[in-house]
């Protein structure tokens, strides 16, 4: 009886150990949870998933709260869209592109494109601007997102 109990407990402990290790390969982790390491100590995304084959997938869009380059304001006047962006990251960013949509009267996206922001490089806290001039007819112009490189 004691042999069966010991064997059962051993299998139970092994199953917990392997299930924890197996699931940790695909768990969501944020920098503040990573063994006390701060975001400045690790060059990892704010929120990520480590796959079993060692790849790191950036899940920041799902977790939110990532410092980013934001669209601070925008004004659409006919065929012209202007706006301002701000680098809220703690890093120098470059190759900044603002994505915009032309939206028809029915609310459907007619065209999606991007324009380079000026200046092309921003230090942390700095702002830049963008300007789009395109023929839209009866549609409306709207900036939707910012992409950049660190």
Protein backbone atom coordinates (compact mmCIF):
# COMPACT_ATOMS: atom_id res chain seq x y z
CA UNK A 1 0.00 0.00 0.00
CA UNK A 2 2.80 2.42 0.89
CA UNK A 3 4.55 1.59 -2.41
CA UNK A 4 1.38 2.45 -4.38
CA UNK A 5 0.96 5.71 -2.43
CA UNK A 6 4.60 6.69 -3.02
CA UNK A 7 4.29 5.87 -6.71
CA UNK A 8 1.04 7.86 -6.99
CA UNK A 9 2.60 10.87 -5.26
CA UNK A 10 5.69 10.64 -7.49
CA UNK A 11 3.55 10.64 -10.65
CA UNK A 12 1.48 13.51 -9.27
CA UNK A 13 4.60 15.62 -8.52
CA UNK A 14 6.10 14.78 -11.92
CA UNK A 15 2.89 15.77 -13.70
CA UNK A 16 2.82 19.12 -11.87
CA UNK A 17 6.50 19.72 -12.68
CA UNK A 18 6.11 18.92 -16.39
CA UNK A 19 2.83 20.79 -16.80
CA UNK A 20 4.37 23.90 -15.21
CA UNK A 21 7.44 23.72 -17.41
CA UNK A 22 5.41 22.95 -20.51
CA UNK A 23 2.94 25.80 -19.98
CA UNK A 24 5.67 28.29 -19.07
CA UNK A 25 6.97 27.98 -22.63
CA UNK A 26 3.80 29.65 -23.86
CA UNK A 27 2.87 31.92 -20.99
CA UNK A 28 2.30 35.66 -21.08
CA UNK A 29 4.99 37.54 -19.21
CA UNK A 30 5.54 41.22 -18.56
CA UNK A 31 8.88 42.77 -17.71
CA UNK A 32 7.77 43.71 -14.20
CA UNK A 33 7.07 40.03 -13.49
CA UNK A 34 10.40 38.75 -14.76
CA UNK A 35 12.35 37.91 -11.61
CA UNK A 36 12.55 41.48 -10.39
CA UNK A 37 14.24 42.76 -13.53
CA UNK A 38 13.22 46.20 -14.70
CA UNK A 39 12.36 47.10 -18.30
CA UNK A 40 15.63 49.03 -18.56
CA UNK A 41 17.63 45.90 -17.63
CA UNK A 42 16.03 43.68 -20.29
CA UNK A 43 15.54 44.66 -23.91
CA UNK A 44 12.25 42.79 -24.22
CA UNK A 45 8.76 43.95 -25.14
CA UNK A 46 6.52 45.12 -22.29
CA UNK A 47 4.30 42.07 -22.76
CA UNK A 48 5.46 38.99 -24.61
CA UNK A 49 5.08 35.25 -25.05
CA UNK A 50 8.01 32.86 -25.15
CA UNK A 51 7.26 29.96 -27.50
CA UNK A 52 8.54 26.43 -26.92
CA UNK A 53 10.97 26.85 -29.84
CA UNK A 54 12.56 29.92 -28.20
CA UNK A 55 10.90 32.71 -30.21
CA UNK A 56 9.65 35.80 -28.42
CA UNK A 57 6.30 37.15 -29.61
CA UNK A 58 5.42 40.77 -28.80
CA UNK A 59 1.91 40.85 -27.27
CA UNK A 60 2.01 44.46 -26.14
CA UNK A 61 -1.06 45.37 -28.19
CA UNK A 62 -3.02 42.83 -26.14
CA UNK A 63 -1.62 43.90 -22.78
CA UNK A 64 -1.64 47.65 -23.39
CA UNK A 65 0.32 50.24 -21.41
CA UNK A 66 3.39 50.23 -23.66
CA UNK A 67 5.03 53.63 -24.03
CA UNK A 68 4.77 54.47 -27.69
CA UNK A 69 4.81 57.16 -30.34
CA UNK A 70 1.31 58.60 -30.25
CA UNK A 71 -0.84 60.72 -32.51
CA UNK A 72 -1.29 63.75 -30.25
CA UNK A 73 -3.69 65.60 -32.52
CA UNK A 74 -4.88 65.71 -36.11
CA UNK A 75 -6.94 68.00 -38.30
CA UNK A 76 -8.64 67.03 -41.54
CA UNK A 77 -9.59 69.82 -43.93
CA UNK A 78 -10.88 68.45 -47.22
CA UNK A 79 -8.04 66.67 -49.00
CA UNK A 80 -5.42 67.63 -46.38
CA UNK A 81 -4.68 65.88 -43.09
CA UNK A 82 -2.16 67.37 -40.66
CA UNK A 83 -1.18 66.25 -37.21
CA UNK A 84 1.36 66.01 -34.45
CA UNK A 85 3.04 62.94 -32.95
CA UNK A 86 4.93 62.58 -29.66
CA UNK A 87 7.63 60.05 -28.76
CA UNK A 88 6.52 58.74 -25.36
CA UNK A 89 9.06 55.90 -25.40
CA UNK A 90 12.32 56.07 -23.49
CA UNK A 91 14.31 55.48 -26.67
CA UNK A 92 15.29 57.38 -29.80
CA UNK A 93 12.94 56.42 -32.63
CA UNK A 94 13.42 56.83 -36.37
CA UNK A 95 11.79 55.98 -39.71
CA UNK A 96 8.46 57.18 -38.33
CA UNK A 97 5.41 56.52 -40.51
CA UNK A 98 1.87 57.59 -39.81
CA UNK A 99 -0.82 55.30 -41.27
CA UNK A 100 -4.02 56.97 -42.43
CA UNK A 101 -7.32 55.91 -43.94
CA UNK A 102 -9.64 57.51 -46.43
CA UNK A 103 -13.13 56.65 -45.20
CA UNK A 104 -16.19 56.92 -47.42
CA UNK A 105 -19.55 58.34 -46.41
CA UNK A 106 -20.73 54.78 -45.71
CA UNK A 107 -17.96 54.40 -43.09
CA UNK A 108 -15.97 51.87 -45.12
CA UNK A 109 -12.23 52.32 -45.69
CA UNK A 110 -11.63 53.29 -49.31
CA UNK A 111 -7.85 53.59 -49.08
CA UNK A 112 -5.18 52.99 -46.48
CA UNK A 113 -1.67 54.37 -46.83
CA UNK A 114 1.13 55.97 -44.82
CA UNK A 115 3.22 59.11 -44.80
CA UNK A 116 6.62 59.85 -43.24
CA UNK A 117 6.67 62.12 -40.21
CA UNK A 118 9.08 65.03 -39.87
CA UNK A 119 11.63 64.99 -38.45
CA UNK A 120 12.41 61.36 -39.21
CA UNK A 121 14.12 60.87 -35.82
CA UNK A 122 12.70 61.81 -32.40
CA UNK A 123 14.35 61.70 -28.99
CA UNK A 124 12.22 60.68 -25.99
CA UNK A 125 9.59 63.37 -25.33
CA UNK A 126 10.09 65.14 -28.65
CA UNK A 127 7.26 65.78 -31.08
CA UNK A 128 7.04 65.79 -34.85
CA UNK A 129 4.41 66.40 -37.48
CA UNK A 130 2.86 64.82 -40.54
CA UNK A 131 0.93 66.08 -43.53
CA UNK A 132 -1.12 64.17 -46.09
CA UNK A 133 -2.47 65.69 -49.28
CA UNK A 134 -4.58 63.29 -51.32
CA UNK A 135 -7.76 63.44 -53.35
CA UNK A 136 -10.56 61.89 -51.30
CA UNK A 137 -13.78 63.03 -52.98
CA UNK A 138 -16.61 62.77 -50.45
CA UNK A 139 -14.56 60.78 -47.96
CA UNK A 140 -12.75 61.76 -44.78
CA UNK A 141 -9.09 61.45 -43.82
CA UNK A 142 -8.13 59.95 -40.48
CA UNK A 143 -4.69 59.04 -39.04
CA UNK A 144 -4.93 55.61 -37.42
CA UNK A 145 -1.51 54.52 -36.14
CA UNK A 146 2.22 55.21 -35.99
CA UNK A 147 5.02 52.79 -36.88
CA UNK A 148 8.69 53.39 -36.07
CA UNK A 149 12.04 51.74 -35.56
CA UNK A 150 14.21 51.97 -32.45
